[in-house]
C-alpha atoms as a PDB file:
ATOM      1  CA  MET A   1     -15.805   8.330  -7.400  1.00  0.00           C
ATOM      2  CA  ILE A   2     -14.136   5.018  -7.376  1.00  0.00           C
ATOM      3  CA  ILE A   3     -11.553   3.884  -5.339  1.00  0.00           C
ATOM      4  CA  GLU A   4     -11.551  -0.431  -6.168  1.00  0.00           C
ATOM      5  CA  GLY A   5     -10.337  -0.356  -9.740  1.00  0.00           C
ATOM      6  CA  ASN A   6      -9.866   3.108 -10.302  1.00  0.00           C
ATOM      7  CA  PRO A   7      -8.692   3.491 -13.917  1.00  0.00           C
ATOM      8  CA  ILE A   8      -6.067   6.591 -12.334  1.00  0.00           C
ATOM      9  CA  GLN A   9      -4.322   4.901  -9.923  1.00  0.00           C
ATOM     10  CA  LYS A  10      -4.087   1.536 -11.889  1.00  0.00           C
ATOM     11  CA  GLU A  11      -2.639   3.769 -14.798  1.00  0.00           C
ATOM     12  CA  ALA A  12      -0.134   5.018 -12.103  1.00  0.00           C
ATOM     13  CA  MET A  13       1.086   1.090 -11.200  1.00  0.00           C
ATOM     14  CA  ASP A  14       1.082   0.753 -15.215  1.00  0.00           C
ATOM     15  CA  ALA A  15       3.464   3.547 -14.853  1.00  0.00           C
ATOM     16  CA  PHE A  16       5.874   2.696 -12.421  1.00  0.00           C
ATOM     17  CA  HIS A  17       6.079  -0.869 -14.133  1.00  0.00           C
ATOM     18  CA  LYS A  18       7.496   0.921 -17.167  1.00  0.00           C
ATOM     19  CA  GLY A  19      10.110   2.122 -15.097  1.00  0.00           C
ATOM     20  CA  ASP A  20       8.242   5.987 -15.152  1.00  0.00           C
ATOM     21  CA  ARG A  21       8.666   6.524 -11.464  1.00  0.00           C
ATOM     22  CA  THR A  22       7.850  10.451 -12.346  1.00  0.00           C
ATOM     23  CA  GLU A  23       4.562   9.869 -14.346  1.00  0.00           C
ATOM     24  CA  GLY A  24       3.351   6.832 -11.556  1.00  0.00           C
ATOM     25  CA  LEU A  25       4.144   9.608  -8.165  1.00  0.00           C
ATOM     26  CA  ARG A  26       2.225  11.961 -10.469  1.00  0.00           C
ATOM     27  CA  LEU A  27      -0.734  10.494 -11.113  1.00  0.00           C
ATOM     28  CA  GLN A  28      -1.085   7.940  -7.735  1.00  0.00           C
ATOM     29  CA  GLU A  29      -1.265  12.023  -6.424  1.00  0.00           C
ATOM     30  CA  GLU A  30      -3.729  13.177  -8.588  1.00  0.00           C
ATOM     31  CA  PHE A  31      -5.798  10.088  -7.317  1.00  0.00           C
ATOM     32  CA  ALA A  32      -4.852  10.656  -3.725  1.00  0.00           C
ATOM     33  CA  ALA A  33      -6.367  14.770  -3.845  1.00  0.00           C
ATOM     34  CA  THR A  34      -9.155  13.340  -5.312  1.00  0.00           C
ATOM     35  CA  PHE A  35     -10.372  11.553  -2.707  1.00  0.00           C
ATOM     36  CA  ARG A  36      -9.332  13.628  -0.352  1.00  0.00           C
ATOM     37  CA  ARG A  37     -11.658  16.569  -1.544  1.00  0.00           C
ATOM     38  CA  GLU A  38     -14.316  13.769  -2.437  1.00  0.00           C
ATOM     39  CA  TYR A  39     -14.356  12.206   0.428  1.00  0.00           C
ATOM     40  CA  ARG A  40     -13.599  15.302   3.202  1.00  0.00           C
ATOM     41  CA  GLU A  41     -17.089  14.948   4.498  1.00  0.00           C
ATOM     42  CA  LYS A  42     -18.356  11.583   2.859  1.00  0.00           C
ATOM     43  CA  ASP A  43     -18.235   7.346   4.160  1.00  0.00           C
ATOM     44  CA  HIS A  44     -15.277   5.971   2.307  1.00  0.00           C
ATOM     45  CA  CYS A  45     -15.327   2.516   3.919  1.00  0.00           C
ATOM     46  CA  PRO A  46     -16.642  -0.322   2.460  1.00  0.00           C
ATOM     47  CA  CYS A  47     -16.802  -2.357   5.171  1.00  0.00           C
ATOM     48  CA  GLN A  48     -19.975  -3.966   6.911  1.00  0.00           C
ATOM     49  CA  LYS A  49     -19.060  -5.151   9.985  1.00  0.00           C
ATOM     50  CA  ALA A  50     -20.156  -3.235  12.958  1.00  0.00           C
ATOM     51  CA  CYS A  51     -17.374  -1.740  14.507  1.00  0.00           C
ATOM     52  CA  ARG A  52     -16.513   1.777  15.893  1.00  0.00           C
ATOM     53  CA  TYR A  53     -13.134   1.851  13.593  1.00  0.00           C
ATOM     54  CA  HIS A  54     -15.543   2.452  10.401  1.00  0.00           C
ATOM     55  CA  GLY A  55     -14.153   5.039   8.362  1.00  0.00           C
ATOM     56  CA  ASN A  56     -10.743   5.269  10.547  1.00  0.00           C
ATOM     57  CA  CYS A  57      -8.489   3.352   8.554  1.00  0.00           C
ATOM     58  CA  LYS A  58      -5.301   4.987  10.213  1.00  0.00           C
ATOM     59  CA  GLU A  59      -6.308   3.234  13.872  1.00  0.00           C
ATOM     60  CA  CYS A  60      -7.826   0.330  12.147  1.00  0.00           C
ATOM     61  CA  VAL A  61      -4.757  -0.659   9.598  1.00  0.00           C
ATOM     62  CA  ALA A  62      -2.859  -0.224  12.642  1.00  0.00           C
ATOM     63  CA  ILE A  63      -5.179  -2.337  15.339  1.00  0.00           C
ATOM     64  CA  HIS A  64      -4.712  -5.039  12.225  1.00  0.00           C
ATOM     65  CA  ARG A  65      -1.127  -4.752  11.871  1.00  0.00           C
ATOM     66  CA  ALA A  66      -0.555  -5.158  15.305  1.00  0.00           C
ATOM     67  CA  HIS A  67      -2.803  -8.446  16.077  1.00  0.00           C
ATOM     68  CA  GLN A  68      -1.748  -9.926  12.847  1.00  0.00           C
ATOM     69  CA  GLU A  69      -4.455 -11.671  13.232  1.00  0.00           C
ATOM     70  CA  HIS A  70      -6.594 -11.288  10.055  1.00  0.00           C
ATOM     71  CA  VAL A  71      -6.951  -8.535   7.374  1.00  0.00           C
ATOM     72  CA  PRO A  72      -9.099  -5.597   7.633  1.00  0.00           C
ATOM     73  CA  ASN A  73     -12.794  -6.305   6.084  1.00  0.00           C
ATOM     74  CA  CYS A  74     -12.320  -3.587   3.087  1.00  0.00           C
ATOM     75  CA  MET A  75      -9.269  -5.840   2.559  1.00  0.00           C
ATOM     76  CA  ARG A  76     -10.970  -9.367   1.849  1.00  0.00           C
ATOM     77  CA  PRO A  77     -12.924  -8.716  -1.592  1.00  0.00           C
ATOM     78  CA  LEU A  78      -9.149  -7.969  -3.109  1.00  0.00           C
ATOM     79  CA  ILE A  79      -7.315 -10.811  -0.956  1.00  0.00           C
ATOM     80  CA  ASN A  80     -10.061 -13.209  -1.757  1.00  0.00           C
ATOM     81  CA  LYS A  81      -9.880 -12.139  -5.603  1.00  0.00           C
ATOM     82  CA  LYS A  82      -6.551 -13.272  -5.444  1.00  0.00           C
ATOM     83  CA  LEU A  83      -7.138 -16.646  -3.835  1.00  0.00           C
ATOM     84  CA  LYS A  84      -9.601 -17.463  -5.606  1.00  0.00           C
ATOM     85  CA  SER A  85      -7.646 -17.643  -8.525  1.00  0.00           C
ATOM     86  CA  LEU A  86      -5.080 -19.903  -6.046  1.00  0.00           C
ATOM     87  CA  SER A  87      -8.169 -22.259  -5.112  1.00  0.00           C
ATOM     88  CA  GLU A  88      -8.613 -23.178  -9.151  1.00  0.00           C
ATOM     89  CA  LEU A  89      -5.447 -25.130  -9.108  1.00  0.00           C
ATOM     90  CA  THR A  90      -7.409 -27.701  -6.528  1.00  0.00           C
ATOM     91  CA  GLU A  91     -10.925 -27.258  -7.986  1.00  0.00           C
ATOM     92  CA  HIS A  92     -12.091 -25.187  -5.529  1.00  0.00           C
ATOM     93  CA  THR A  93     -11.907 -28.232  -3.361  1.00  0.00           C
ATOM     94  CA  ILE A  94     -11.108 -26.222  -0.288  1.00  0.00           C
ATOM     95  CA  ALA A  95     -14.621 -24.101  -0.603  1.00  0.00           C
ATOM     96  CA  ASN A  96     -15.679 -28.081   1.232  1.00  0.00           C
ATOM     97  CA  GLU A  97     -13.273 -26.599   4.198  1.00  0.00           C
ATOM     98  CA  ILE A  98     -14.347 -23.703   5.528  1.00  0.00           C
ATOM     99  CA  GLU A  99     -17.038 -22.084   7.088  1.00  0.00           C
ATOM    100  CA  PRO A 100     -17.004 -18.106   7.219  1.00  0.00           C
ATOM    101  CA  PRO A 101     -17.187 -16.986  10.724  1.00  0.00           C
ATOM    102  CA  LYS A 102     -20.994 -15.494  12.062  1.00  0.00           C
ATOM    103  CA  GLU A 103     -20.462 -11.618  11.516  1.00  0.00           C
ATOM    104  CA  ILE A 104     -22.565  -8.540  13.443  1.00  0.00           C
ATOM    105  CA  LEU A 105     -22.756  -5.694  10.374  1.00  0.00           C
ATOM    106  CA  ARG A 106     -24.248  -2.458  10.280  1.00  0.00           C
ATOM    107  CA  LYS A 107     -27.484  -2.152  11.027  1.00  0.00           C
ATOM    108  CA  GLU A 108     -27.807  -1.081   7.348  1.00  0.00           C
ATOM    109  CA  PHE A 109     -26.718  -4.298   5.930  1.00  0.00           C
ATOM    110  CA  GLN A 110     -28.441  -6.771   8.498  1.00  0.00           C
ATOM    111  CA  LYS A 111     -31.364  -8.484   6.997  1.00  0.00           C
END
């Protein structure tokens, strides 16, 4: 199952945007039901960072909402994609002003 950019969930959002709430909710539940079945026993978390909350979205998101300092790692690609299009307005010159932090990755992602 694909989570990021899932076609069923995208279709649900199209329905919502067209004002068809009933169809949007039906498709959204189809996605959620498939997710629940498929990931009951599997790791669904794309985060590569070594963290005791890996795979526990509820607690992870609550922690980030509480400290409000940054977003969960799993949300970074989505947000970065949106920011990249804004960065095009200045020919991505913001990249010259940014140095990413050194993060400790989970063992399977360490080089």
